[in-house]
Amino acid sequence: QTGLSTMVFQDMDGDGSGNVYLSGKYDADSSSNLSMNAFARKLNSSGTVLFTKTYGTPAYDDARGIATISGSEVYVTGETQGSLAHTNRGGPENRDGYLRKFSSSGGTVWTR
């Protein structure tokens, strides 16, 4: 996906090849703030979108930070009010943090 409505970019990082990685949230359903879902996006040095990975639950989800290691590992941190793997929603406002690892091609490796 490349066209997401109401995107909010939260963080960015780059790798040695000139690729840029972005994370944030987007409005999956404009009728409710609870419908915010998370995304991670990779662009090449020309600005061409290489991938956009969206994920979330029926509740609020956000991708607050992104980091890449040598362009081969991409890590995203965020918060959720839903159940992304291993979250128990015991934090403030019924939210929990998570860490998600992506491959350089955008495949989800794991979520913790």
PDB file of N, CA and C in Angstrom:
ATOM      1  N   GLN A   1       0.833  -1.174   0.000  1.00  0.00           N
ATOM      2  CA  GLN A   1       0.000   0.000   0.000  1.00  0.00           C
ATOM      3  C   GLN A   1       0.876   1.235   0.000  1.00  0.00           C
ATOM      4  N   THR A   2       0.507   2.190  -0.776  1.00  0.00           N
ATOM      5  CA  THR A   2       1.231   3.455  -0.754  1.00  0.00           C
ATOM      6  C   THR A   2       0.330   4.616  -0.383  1.00  0.00           C
ATOM      7  N   GLY A   3      -0.967   4.519  -0.546  1.00  0.00           N
ATOM      8  CA  GLY A   3      -1.870   5.617  -0.243  1.00  0.00           C
ATOM      9  C   GLY A   3      -2.641   5.384   1.035  1.00  0.00           C
ATOM     10  N   LEU A   4      -2.193   5.959   2.130  1.00  0.00           N
ATOM     11  CA  LEU A   4      -2.872   5.837   3.410  1.00  0.00           C
ATOM     12  C   LEU A   4      -3.398   7.210   3.781  1.00  0.00           C
ATOM     13  N   SER A   5      -4.640   7.273   4.247  1.00  0.00           N
ATOM     14  CA  SER A   5      -5.202   8.570   4.609  1.00  0.00           C
ATOM     15  C   SER A   5      -4.710   9.004   5.978  1.00  0.00           C
ATOM     16  N   THR A   6      -4.595  10.290   6.184  1.00  0.00           N
ATOM     17  CA  THR A   6      -4.227  10.901   7.450  1.00  0.00           C
ATOM     18  C   THR A   6      -3.032  10.210   8.098  1.00  0.00           C
ATOM     19  N   MET A   7      -1.909  10.234   7.430  1.00  0.00           N
ATOM     20  CA  MET A   7      -0.685   9.643   7.966  1.00  0.00           C
ATOM     21  C   MET A   7       0.009  10.625   8.900  1.00  0.00           C
ATOM     22  N   VAL A   8       0.504  10.106  10.021  1.00  0.00           N
ATOM     23  CA  VAL A   8       1.295  10.886  10.961  1.00  0.00           C
ATOM     24  C   VAL A   8       2.645  10.184  11.084  1.00  0.00           C
ATOM     25  N   PHE A   9       3.700  10.854  10.637  1.00  0.00           N
ATOM     26  CA  PHE A   9       5.038  10.279  10.736  1.00  0.00           C
ATOM     27  C   PHE A   9       5.588  10.556  12.124  1.00  0.00           C
ATOM     28  N   GLN A  10       6.091   9.514  12.789  1.00  0.00           N
ATOM     29  CA  GLN A  10       6.589   9.649  14.155  1.00  0.00           C
ATOM     30  C   GLN A  10       8.118   9.635  14.221  1.00  0.00           C
ATOM     31  N   ASP A  11       8.762   8.880  13.310  1.00  0.00           N
ATOM     32  CA  ASP A  11      10.211   8.745  13.393  1.00  0.00           C
ATOM     33  C   ASP A  11      10.769   8.361  12.030  1.00  0.00           C
ATOM     34  N   MET A  12      12.083   8.546  11.865  1.00  0.00           N
ATOM     35  CA  MET A  12      12.734   8.118  10.634  1.00  0.00           C
ATOM     36  C   MET A  12      14.176   7.740  10.916  1.00  0.00           C
ATOM     37  N   ASP A  13      14.721   6.912  10.033  1.00  0.00           N
ATOM     38  CA  ASP A  13      16.110   6.487  10.119  1.00  0.00           C
ATOM     39  C   ASP A  13      16.591   6.227   8.700  1.00  0.00           C
ATOM     40  N   GLY A  14      17.876   6.103   8.514  1.00  0.00           N
ATOM     41  CA  GLY A  14      18.431   5.820   7.202  1.00  0.00           C
ATOM     42  C   GLY A  14      19.495   4.751   7.285  1.00  0.00           C
ATOM     43  N   ASP A  15      19.847   4.188   6.132  1.00  0.00           N
ATOM     44  CA  ASP A  15      20.919   3.197   6.096  1.00  0.00           C
ATOM     45  C   ASP A  15      22.039   3.686   5.178  1.00  0.00           C
ATOM     46  N   GLY A  16      23.118   2.939   5.094  1.00  0.00           N
ATOM     47  CA  GLY A  16      24.280   3.321   4.305  1.00  0.00           C
ATOM     48  C   GLY A  16      24.046   3.325   2.810  1.00  0.00           C
ATOM     49  N   SER A  17      22.929   2.768   2.359  1.00  0.00           N
ATOM     50  CA  SER A  17      22.606   2.728   0.930  1.00  0.00           C
ATOM     51  C   SER A  17      21.727   3.889   0.495  1.00  0.00           C
ATOM     52  N   GLY A  18      21.395   4.783   1.416  1.00  0.00           N
ATOM     53  CA  GLY A  18      20.556   5.924   1.084  1.00  0.00           C
ATOM     54  C   GLY A  18      19.071   5.682   1.235  1.00  0.00           C
ATOM     55  N   ASN A  19      18.690   4.504   1.722  1.00  0.00           N
ATOM     56  CA  ASN A  19      17.276   4.224   1.970  1.00  0.00           C
ATOM     57  C   ASN A  19      16.818   4.947   3.226  1.00  0.00           C
ATOM     58  N   VAL A  20      15.552   5.331   3.253  1.00  0.00           N
ATOM     59  CA  VAL A  20      14.962   6.016   4.399  1.00  0.00           C
ATOM     60  C   VAL A  20      13.823   5.160   4.930  1.00  0.00           C
ATOM     61  N   TYR A  21      13.753   5.033   6.251  1.00  0.00           N
ATOM     62  CA  TYR A  21      12.723   4.245   6.918  1.00  0.00           C
ATOM     63  C   TYR A  21      11.876   5.183   7.761  1.00  0.00           C
ATOM     64  N   LEU A  22      10.561   5.078   7.638  1.00  0.00           N
ATOM     65  CA  LEU A  22       9.622   5.932   8.361  1.00  0.00           C
ATOM     66  C   LEU A  22       8.675   5.071   9.178  1.00  0.00           C
ATOM     67  N   SER A  23       8.253   5.579  10.318  1.00  0.00           N
ATOM     68  CA  SER A  23       7.224   4.894  11.108  1.00  0.00           C
ATOM     69  C   SER A  23       6.200   5.909  11.561  1.00  0.00           C
ATOM     70  N   GLY A  24       5.012   5.408  11.895  1.00  0.00           N
ATOM     71  CA  GLY A  24       3.965   6.294  12.370  1.00  0.00           C
ATOM     72  C   GLY A  24       2.637   5.600  12.485  1.00  0.00           C
ATOM     73  N   LYS A  25       1.588   6.396  12.328  1.00  0.00           N
ATOM     74  CA  LYS A  25       0.229   5.868  12.432  1.00  0.00           C
ATOM     75  C   LYS A  25      -0.604   6.469  11.316  1.00  0.00           C
ATOM     76  N   TYR A  26      -1.683   5.793  10.991  1.00  0.00           N
ATOM     77  CA  TYR A  26      -2.592   6.302   9.967  1.00  0.00           C
ATOM     78  C   TYR A  26      -4.011   6.007  10.403  1.00  0.00           C
ATOM     79  N   ASP A  27      -4.933   6.780   9.891  1.00  0.00           N
ATOM     80  CA  ASP A  27      -6.339   6.656  10.252  1.00  0.00           C
ATOM     81  C   ASP A  27      -6.990   5.595   9.379  1.00  0.00           C
ATOM     82  N   ALA A  28      -7.222   4.429   9.957  1.00  0.00           N
ATOM     83  CA  ALA A  28      -7.845   3.329   9.213  1.00  0.00           C
ATOM     84  C   ALA A  28      -9.337   3.559   9.014  1.00  0.00           C
ATOM     85  N   ASP A  29      -9.941   4.373   9.889  1.00  0.00           N
ATOM     86  CA  ASP A  29     -11.376   4.670   9.815  1.00  0.00           C
ATOM     87  C   ASP A  29     -11.560   6.076  10.361  1.00  0.00           C
ATOM     88  N   SER A  30     -11.851   7.026   9.504  1.00  0.00           N
ATOM     89  CA  SER A  30     -11.894   8.432   9.910  1.00  0.00           C
ATOM     90  C   SER A  30     -12.969   8.750  10.941  1.00  0.00           C
ATOM     91  N   SER A  31     -13.847   7.805  11.254  1.00  0.00           N
ATOM     92  CA  SER A  31     -14.923   8.083  12.204  1.00  0.00           C
ATOM     93  C   SER A  31     -14.505   7.896  13.659  1.00  0.00           C
ATOM     94  N   SER A  32     -13.301   7.366  13.919  1.00  0.00           N
ATOM     95  CA  SER A  32     -12.911   7.084  15.295  1.00  0.00           C
ATOM     96  C   SER A  32     -11.404   7.151  15.462  1.00  0.00           C
ATOM     97  N   ASN A  33     -10.924   7.809  16.532  1.00  0.00           N
ATOM     98  CA  ASN A  33      -9.499   7.834  16.859  1.00  0.00           C
ATOM     99  C   ASN A  33      -9.004   6.445  17.239  1.00  0.00           C
ATOM    100  N   LEU A  34      -9.901   5.578  17.700  1.00  0.00           N
ATOM    101  CA  LEU A  34      -9.503   4.224  18.081  1.00  0.00           C
ATOM    102  C   LEU A  34      -9.072   3.397  16.885  1.00  0.00           C
ATOM    103  N   SER A  35      -9.323   3.883  15.689  1.00  0.00           N
ATOM    104  CA  SER A  35      -9.007   3.105  14.496  1.00  0.00           C
ATOM    105  C   SER A  35      -7.607   3.388  13.958  1.00  0.00           C
ATOM    106  N   MET A  36      -6.794   4.138  14.698  1.00  0.00           N
ATOM    107  CA  MET A  36      -5.434   4.405  14.237  1.00  0.00           C
ATOM    108  C   MET A  36      -4.644   3.103  14.225  1.00  0.00           C
ATOM    109  N   ASN A  37      -3.959   2.838  13.122  1.00  0.00           N
ATOM    110  CA  ASN A  37      -3.102   1.673  12.992  1.00  0.00           C
ATOM    111  C   ASN A  37      -1.680   2.131  12.712  1.00  0.00           C
ATOM    112  N   ALA A  38      -0.735   1.224  12.870  1.00  0.00           N
ATOM    113  CA  ALA A  38       0.680   1.538  12.717  1.00  0.00           C
ATOM    114  C   ALA A  38       1.163   1.224  11.304  1.00  0.00           C
ATOM    115  N   PHE A  39       2.267   1.872  10.920  1.00  0.00           N
ATOM    116  CA  PHE A  39       2.888   1.535   9.641  1.00  0.00           C
ATOM    117  C   PHE A  39       4.398   1.716   9.724  1.00  0.00           C
ATOM    118  N   ALA A  40       5.081   0.997   8.860  1.00  0.00           N
ATOM    119  CA  ALA A  40       6.512   1.172   8.617  1.00  0.00           C
ATOM    120  C   ALA A  40       6.673   1.293   7.108  1.00  0.00           C
ATOM    121  N   ARG A  41       7.499   2.232   6.669  1.00  0.00           N
ATOM    122  CA  ARG A  41       7.661   2.480   5.231  1.00  0.00           C
ATOM    123  C   ARG A  41       9.148   2.617   4.910  1.00  0.00           C
ATOM    124  N   LYS A  42       9.527   2.073   3.758  1.00  0.00           N
ATOM    125  CA  LYS A  42      10.903   2.183   3.271  1.00  0.00           C
ATOM    126  C   LYS A  42      10.890   2.856   1.905  1.00  0.00           C
ATOM    127  N   LEU A  43      11.745   3.867   1.748  1.00  0.00           N
ATOM    128  CA  LEU A  43      11.907   4.562   0.473  1.00  0.00           C
ATOM    129  C   LEU A  43      13.370   4.468   0.049  1.00  0.00           C
ATOM    130  N   ASN A  44      13.602   4.428  -1.255  1.00  0.00           N
ATOM    131  CA  ASN A  44      14.987   4.436  -1.718  1.00  0.00           C
ATOM    132  C   ASN A  44      15.488   5.874  -1.805  1.00  0.00           C
ATOM    133  N   SER A  45      16.730   6.045  -2.231  1.00  0.00           N
ATOM    134  CA  SER A  45      17.335   7.381  -2.250  1.00  0.00           C
ATOM    135  C   SER A  45      16.662   8.328  -3.239  1.00  0.00           C
ATOM    136  N   SER A  46      15.876   7.793  -4.166  1.00  0.00           N
ATOM    137  CA  SER A  46      15.120   8.623  -5.113  1.00  0.00           C
ATOM    138  C   SER A  46      13.734   8.980  -4.601  1.00  0.00           C
ATOM    139  N   GLY A  47      13.355   8.440  -3.434  1.00  0.00           N
ATOM    140  CA  GLY A  47      12.041   8.712  -2.867  1.00  0.00           C
ATOM    141  C   GLY A  47      10.966   7.728  -3.284  1.00  0.00           C
ATOM    142  N   THR A  48      11.342   6.694  -4.027  1.00  0.00           N
ATOM    143  CA  THR A  48      10.380   5.669  -4.436  1.00  0.00           C
ATOM    144  C   THR A  48      10.055   4.770  -3.250  1.00  0.00           C
ATOM    145  N   VAL A  49       8.776   4.544  -3.007  1.00  0.00           N
ATOM    146  CA  VAL A  49       8.361   3.671  -1.906  1.00  0.00           C
ATOM    147  C   VAL A  49       8.693   2.231  -2.274  1.00  0.00           C
ATOM    148  N   LEU A  50       9.509   1.586  -1.445  1.00  0.00           N
ATOM    149  CA  LEU A  50       9.867   0.187  -1.657  1.00  0.00           C
ATOM    150  C   LEU A  50       8.897  -0.745  -0.951  1.00  0.00           C
ATOM    151  N   PHE A  51       8.443  -0.346   0.234  1.00  0.00           N
ATOM    152  CA  PHE A  51       7.364  -1.075   0.895  1.00  0.00           C
ATOM    153  C   PHE A  51       6.701  -0.189   1.930  1.00  0.00           C
ATOM    154  N   THR A  52       5.447  -0.474   2.186  1.00  0.00           N
ATOM    155  CA  THR A  52       4.701   0.088   3.305  1.00  0.00           C
ATOM    156  C   THR A  52       4.015  -1.075   3.987  1.00  0.00           C
ATOM    157  N   LYS A  53       4.360  -1.307   5.239  1.00  0.00           N
ATOM    158  CA  LYS A  53       3.745  -2.382   6.013  1.00  0.00           C
ATOM    159  C   LYS A  53       2.802  -1.762   7.028  1.00  0.00           C
ATOM    160  N   THR A  54       1.546  -2.126   6.951  1.00  0.00           N
ATOM    161  CA  THR A  54       0.548  -1.642   7.900  1.00  0.00           C
ATOM    162  C   THR A  54       0.154  -2.789   8.807  1.00  0.00           C
ATOM    163  N   TYR A  55      -0.136  -2.455  10.038  1.00  0.00           N
ATOM    164  CA  TYR A  55      -0.558  -3.479  10.989  1.00  0.00           C
ATOM    165  C   TYR A  55      -1.279  -2.815  12.141  1.00  0.00           C
ATOM    166  N   GLY A  56      -2.076  -3.606  12.822  1.00  0.00           N
ATOM    167  CA  GLY A  56      -2.797  -3.078  13.962  1.00  0.00           C
ATOM    168  C   GLY A  56      -3.920  -3.986  14.385  1.00  0.00           C
ATOM    169  N   THR A  57      -4.677  -3.489  15.313  1.00  0.00           N
ATOM    170  CA  THR A  57      -5.809  -4.198  15.892  1.00  0.00           C
ATOM    171  C   THR A  57      -7.041  -3.316  15.693  1.00  0.00           C
ATOM    172  N   PRO A  58      -8.213  -3.751  16.097  1.00  0.00           N
ATOM    173  CA  PRO A  58      -9.382  -2.873  16.013  1.00  0.00           C
ATOM    174  C   PRO A  58      -9.277  -1.649  16.938  1.00  0.00           C
ATOM    175  N   ALA A  59      -8.320  -1.669  17.871  1.00  0.00           N
ATOM    176  CA  ALA A  59      -8.123  -0.555  18.797  1.00  0.00           C
ATOM    177  C   ALA A  59      -7.000   0.350  18.278  1.00  0.00           C
ATOM    178  N   TYR A  60      -6.550   1.279  19.110  1.00  0.00           N
ATOM    179  CA  TYR A  60      -5.502   2.241  18.759  1.00  0.00           C
ATOM    180  C   TYR A  60      -4.134   1.562  18.711  1.00  0.00           C
ATOM    181  N   ASP A  61      -3.377   1.804  17.648  1.00  0.00           N
ATOM    182  CA  ASP A  61      -2.017   1.287  17.505  1.00  0.00           C
ATOM    183  C   ASP A  61      -1.145   2.381  16.902  1.00  0.00           C
ATOM    184  N   ASP A  62       0.117   2.417  17.303  1.00  0.00           N
ATOM    185  CA  ASP A  62       1.018   3.473  16.874  1.00  0.00           C
ATOM    186  C   ASP A  62       2.424   2.899  16.732  1.00  0.00           C
ATOM    187  N   ALA A  63       3.181   3.388  15.775  1.00  0.00           N
ATOM    188  CA  ALA A  63       4.596   3.038  15.615  1.00  0.00           C
ATOM    189  C   ALA A  63       5.400   4.297  15.897  1.00  0.00           C
ATOM    190  N   ARG A  64       5.969   4.397  17.078  1.00  0.00           N
ATOM    191  CA  ARG A  64       6.609   5.630  17.533  1.00  0.00           C
ATOM    192  C   ARG A  64       8.059   5.778  17.122  1.00  0.00           C
ATOM    193  N   GLY A  65       8.768   4.664  16.977  1.00  0.00           N
ATOM    194  CA  GLY A  65      10.186   4.751  16.658  1.00  0.00           C
ATOM    195  C   GLY A  65      10.591   3.705  15.643  1.00  0.00           C
ATOM    196  N   ILE A  66      11.647   3.990  14.874  1.00  0.00           N
ATOM    197  CA  ILE A  66      12.156   3.041  13.888  1.00  0.00           C
ATOM    198  C   ILE A  66      13.674   3.163  13.849  1.00  0.00           C
ATOM    199  N   ALA A  67      14.345   2.025  13.699  1.00  0.00           N
ATOM    200  CA  ALA A  67      15.803   2.002  13.591  1.00  0.00           C
ATOM    201  C   ALA A  67      16.202   0.854  12.682  1.00  0.00           C
ATOM    202  N   THR A  68      17.262   1.059  11.925  1.00  0.00           N
ATOM    203  CA  THR A  68      17.779  -0.004  11.070  1.00  0.00           C
ATOM    204  C   THR A  68      19.227  -0.294  11.442  1.00  0.00           C
ATOM    205  N   ILE A  69      19.587  -1.552  11.339  1.00  0.00           N
ATOM    206  CA  ILE A  69      20.960  -1.979  11.586  1.00  0.00           C
ATOM    207  C   ILE A  69      21.513  -2.486  10.265  1.00  0.00           C
ATOM    208  N   SER A  70      22.446  -1.759   9.709  1.00  0.00           N
ATOM    209  CA  SER A  70      23.096  -2.107   8.433  1.00  0.00           C
ATOM    210  C   SER A  70      22.109  -2.309   7.292  1.00  0.00           C
ATOM    211  N   GLY A  71      20.906  -1.770   7.403  1.00  0.00           N
ATOM    212  CA  GLY A  71      19.915  -1.912   6.346  1.00  0.00           C
ATOM    213  C   GLY A  71      19.343  -3.304   6.207  1.00  0.00           C
ATOM    214  N   SER A  72      19.763  -4.235   7.066  1.00  0.00           N
ATOM    215  CA  SER A  72      19.261  -5.606   6.949  1.00  0.00           C
ATOM    216  C   SER A  72      18.247  -5.953   8.024  1.00  0.00           C
ATOM    217  N   GLU A  73      18.242  -5.208   9.101  1.00  0.00           N
ATOM    218  CA  GLU A  73      17.284  -5.419  10.181  1.00  0.00           C
ATOM    219  C   GLU A  73      16.602  -4.093  10.477  1.00  0.00           C
ATOM    220  N   VAL A  74      15.285  -4.123  10.582  1.00  0.00           N
ATOM    221  CA  VAL A  74      14.506  -2.918  10.855  1.00  0.00           C
ATOM    222  C   VAL A  74      13.684  -3.178  12.112  1.00  0.00           C
ATOM    223  N   TYR A  75      13.793  -2.293  13.093  1.00  0.00           N
ATOM    224  CA  TYR A  75      13.067  -2.429  14.353  1.00  0.00           C
ATOM    225  C   TYR A  75      12.109  -1.260  14.521  1.00  0.00           C
ATOM    226  N   VAL A  76      10.878  -1.572  14.931  1.00  0.00           N
ATOM    227  CA  VAL A  76       9.858  -0.557  15.169  1.00  0.00           C
ATOM    228  C   VAL A  76       9.351  -0.711  16.596  1.00  0.00           C
ATOM    229  N   THR A  77       9.262   0.401  17.315  1.00  0.00           N
ATOM    230  CA  THR A  77       8.673   0.405  18.647  1.00  0.00           C
ATOM    231  C   THR A  77       7.374   1.189  18.594  1.00  0.00           C
ATOM    232  N   GLY A  78       6.469   0.858  19.494  1.00  0.00           N
ATOM    233  CA  GLY A  78       5.207   1.578  19.512  1.00  0.00           C
ATOM    234  C   GLY A  78       4.350   1.190  20.683  1.00  0.00           C
ATOM    235  N   GLU A  79       3.084   1.576  20.584  1.00  0.00           N
ATOM    236  CA  GLU A  79       2.127   1.239  21.629  1.00  0.00           C
ATOM    237  C   GLU A  79       0.835   0.758  20.998  1.00  0.00           C
ATOM    238  N   THR A  80       0.102  -0.034  21.770  1.00  0.00           N
ATOM    239  CA  THR A  80      -1.155  -0.593  21.287  1.00  0.00           C
ATOM    240  C   THR A  80      -2.169  -0.661  22.422  1.00  0.00           C
ATOM    241  N   GLN A  81      -3.433  -0.497  22.066  1.00  0.00           N
ATOM    242  CA  GLN A  81      -4.522  -0.767  23.000  1.00  0.00           C
ATOM    243  C   GLN A  81      -5.159  -2.107  22.674  1.00  0.00           C
ATOM    244  N   GLY A  82      -4.655  -2.767  21.666  1.00  0.00           N
ATOM    245  CA  GLY A  82      -5.155  -4.078  21.265  1.00  0.00           C
ATOM    246  C   GLY A  82      -4.212  -5.166  21.724  1.00  0.00           C
ATOM    247  N   SER A  83      -4.193  -6.241  20.998  1.00  0.00           N
ATOM    248  CA  SER A  83      -3.356  -7.384  21.353  1.00  0.00           C
ATOM    249  C   SER A  83      -2.390  -7.704  20.225  1.00  0.00           C
ATOM    250  N   LEU A  84      -1.318  -6.942  20.131  1.00  0.00           N
ATOM    251  CA  LEU A  84      -0.204  -7.319  19.265  1.00  0.00           C
ATOM    252  C   LEU A  84       0.626  -8.292  20.097  1.00  0.00           C
ATOM    253  N   ALA A  85       1.126  -9.318  19.505  1.00  0.00           N
ATOM    254  CA  ALA A  85       1.778 -10.440  20.199  1.00  0.00           C
ATOM    255  C   ALA A  85       2.435 -10.050  21.516  1.00  0.00           C
ATOM    256  N   HIS A  86       2.133 -10.777  22.548  1.00  0.00           N
ATOM    257  CA  HIS A  86       2.743 -10.670  23.876  1.00  0.00           C
ATOM    258  C   HIS A  86       2.426  -9.376  24.615  1.00  0.00           C
ATOM    259  N   THR A  87       1.370  -8.695  24.263  1.00  0.00           N
ATOM    260  CA  THR A  87       1.003  -7.497  25.016  1.00  0.00           C
ATOM    261  C   THR A  87      -0.157  -7.831  25.945  1.00  0.00           C
ATOM    262  N   ASN A  88      -0.172  -7.219  27.108  1.00  0.00           N
ATOM    263  CA  ASN A  88      -1.250  -7.497  28.061  1.00  0.00           C
ATOM    264  C   ASN A  88      -2.069  -6.265  28.405  1.00  0.00           C
ATOM    265  N   ARG A  89      -1.780  -5.130  27.798  1.00  0.00           N
ATOM    266  CA  ARG A  89      -2.527  -3.887  27.960  1.00  0.00           C
ATOM    267  C   ARG A  89      -2.671  -3.456  29.411  1.00  0.00           C
ATOM    268  N   GLY A  90      -1.638  -3.600  30.188  1.00  0.00           N
ATOM    269  CA  GLY A  90      -1.686  -3.208  31.588  1.00  0.00           C
ATOM    270  C   GLY A  90      -1.130  -1.825  31.843  1.00  0.00           C
ATOM    271  N   GLY A  91      -0.719  -1.135  30.812  1.00  0.00           N
ATOM    272  CA  GLY A  91      -0.117   0.182  30.966  1.00  0.00           C
ATOM    273  C   GLY A  91      -1.159   1.277  31.103  1.00  0.00           C
ATOM    274  N   PRO A  92      -0.693   2.534  31.211  1.00  0.00           N
ATOM    275  CA  PRO A  92      -1.615   3.663  31.297  1.00  0.00           C
ATOM    276  C   PRO A  92      -2.558   3.697  30.096  1.00  0.00           C
ATOM    277  N   GLU A  93      -3.786   4.108  30.334  1.00  0.00           N
ATOM    278  CA  GLU A  93      -4.821   4.186  29.298  1.00  0.00           C
ATOM    279  C   GLU A  93      -5.013   2.853  28.588  1.00  0.00           C
ATOM    280  N   ASN A  94      -4.743   1.766  29.315  1.00  0.00           N
ATOM    281  CA  ASN A  94      -4.923   0.417  28.772  1.00  0.00           C
ATOM    282  C   ASN A  94      -4.050   0.186  27.538  1.00  0.00           C
ATOM    283  N   ARG A  95      -2.837   0.769  27.541  1.00  0.00           N
ATOM    284  CA  ARG A  95      -1.911   0.632  26.413  1.00  0.00           C
ATOM    285  C   ARG A  95      -0.674  -0.142  26.845  1.00  0.00           C
ATOM    286  N   ASP A  96      -0.071  -0.816  25.896  1.00  0.00           N
ATOM    287  CA  ASP A  96       1.181  -1.529  26.112  1.00  0.00           C
ATOM    288  C   ASP A  96       2.150  -1.214  24.996  1.00  0.00           C
ATOM    289  N   GLY A  97       3.420  -1.316  25.292  1.00  0.00           N
ATOM    290  CA  GLY A  97       4.447  -1.129  24.283  1.00  0.00           C
ATOM    291  C   GLY A  97       4.742  -2.427  23.555  1.00  0.00           C
ATOM    292  N   TYR A  98       5.354  -2.310  22.394  1.00  0.00           N
ATOM    293  CA  TYR A  98       5.779  -3.486  21.638  1.00  0.00           C
ATOM    294  C   TYR A  98       7.041  -3.151  20.857  1.00  0.00           C
ATOM    295  N   LEU A  99       7.727  -4.184  20.434  1.00  0.00           N
ATOM    296  CA  LEU A  99       8.880  -4.086  19.546  1.00  0.00           C
ATOM    297  C   LEU A  99       8.648  -5.073  18.418  1.00  0.00           C
ATOM    298  N   ARG A 100       8.733  -4.598  17.175  1.00  0.00           N
ATOM    299  CA  ARG A 100       8.521  -5.464  16.004  1.00  0.00           C
ATOM    300  C   ARG A 100       9.767  -5.400  15.132  1.00  0.00           C
ATOM    301  N   LYS A 101      10.215  -6.579  14.694  1.00  0.00           N
ATOM    302  CA  LYS A 101      11.366  -6.666  13.800  1.00  0.00           C
ATOM    303  C   LYS A 101      10.884  -7.020  12.401  1.00  0.00           C
ATOM    304  N   PHE A 102      11.368  -6.250  11.418  1.00  0.00           N
ATOM    305  CA  PHE A 102      11.096  -6.505  10.005  1.00  0.00           C
ATOM    306  C   PHE A 102      12.400  -6.883   9.310  1.00  0.00           C
ATOM    307  N   SER A 103      12.281  -7.639   8.236  1.00  0.00           N
ATOM    308  CA  SER A 103      13.429  -7.887   7.364  1.00  0.00           C
ATOM    309  C   SER A 103      13.626  -6.662   6.475  1.00  0.00           C
ATOM    310  N   SER A 104      14.718  -6.612   5.747  1.00  0.00           N
ATOM    311  CA  SER A 104      14.979  -5.463   4.873  1.00  0.00           C
ATOM    312  C   SER A 104      13.967  -5.358   3.737  1.00  0.00           C
ATOM    313  N   SER A 105      13.259  -6.461   3.450  1.00  0.00           N
ATOM    314  CA  SER A 105      12.231  -6.433   2.399  1.00  0.00           C
ATOM    315  C   SER A 105      10.831  -6.190   2.957  1.00  0.00           C
ATOM    316  N   GLY A 106      10.722  -6.018   4.291  1.00  0.00           N
ATOM    317  CA  GLY A 106       9.439  -5.677   4.895  1.00  0.00           C
ATOM    318  C   GLY A 106       8.682  -6.825   5.516  1.00  0.00           C
ATOM    319  N   GLY A 107       9.243  -8.014   5.502  1.00  0.00           N
ATOM    320  CA  GLY A 107       8.566  -9.147   6.135  1.00  0.00           C
ATOM    321  C   GLY A 107       8.671  -9.064   7.650  1.00  0.00           C
ATOM    322  N   THR A 108       7.583  -9.380   8.343  1.00  0.00           N
ATOM    323  CA  THR A 108       7.614  -9.380   9.803  1.00  0.00           C
ATOM    324  C   THR A 108       8.387 -10.598  10.282  1.00  0.00           C
ATOM    325  N   VAL A 109       9.399 -10.371  11.106  1.00  0.00           N
ATOM    326  CA  VAL A 109      10.200 -11.453  11.673  1.00  0.00           C
ATOM    327  C   VAL A 109       9.606 -11.879  13.011  1.00  0.00           C
ATOM    328  N   TRP A 110       9.320 -10.911  13.883  1.00  0.00           N
ATOM    329  CA  TRP A 110       8.659 -11.183  15.160  1.00  0.00           C
ATOM    330  C   TRP A 110       8.117  -9.888  15.765  1.00  0.00           C
ATOM    331  N   THR A 111       7.240 -10.064  16.765  1.00  0.00           N
ATOM    332  CA  THR A 111       6.705  -8.952  17.555  1.00  0.00           C
ATOM    333  C   THR A 111       6.771  -9.353  19.015  1.00  0.00           C
ATOM    334  N   ARG A 112       7.274  -8.445  19.855  1.00  0.00           N
ATOM    335  CA  ARG A 112       7.374  -8.716  21.300  1.00  0.00           C
ATOM    336  C   ARG A 112       6.901  -7.509  22.078  1.00  0.00           C
TER     337      ARG A 112
END
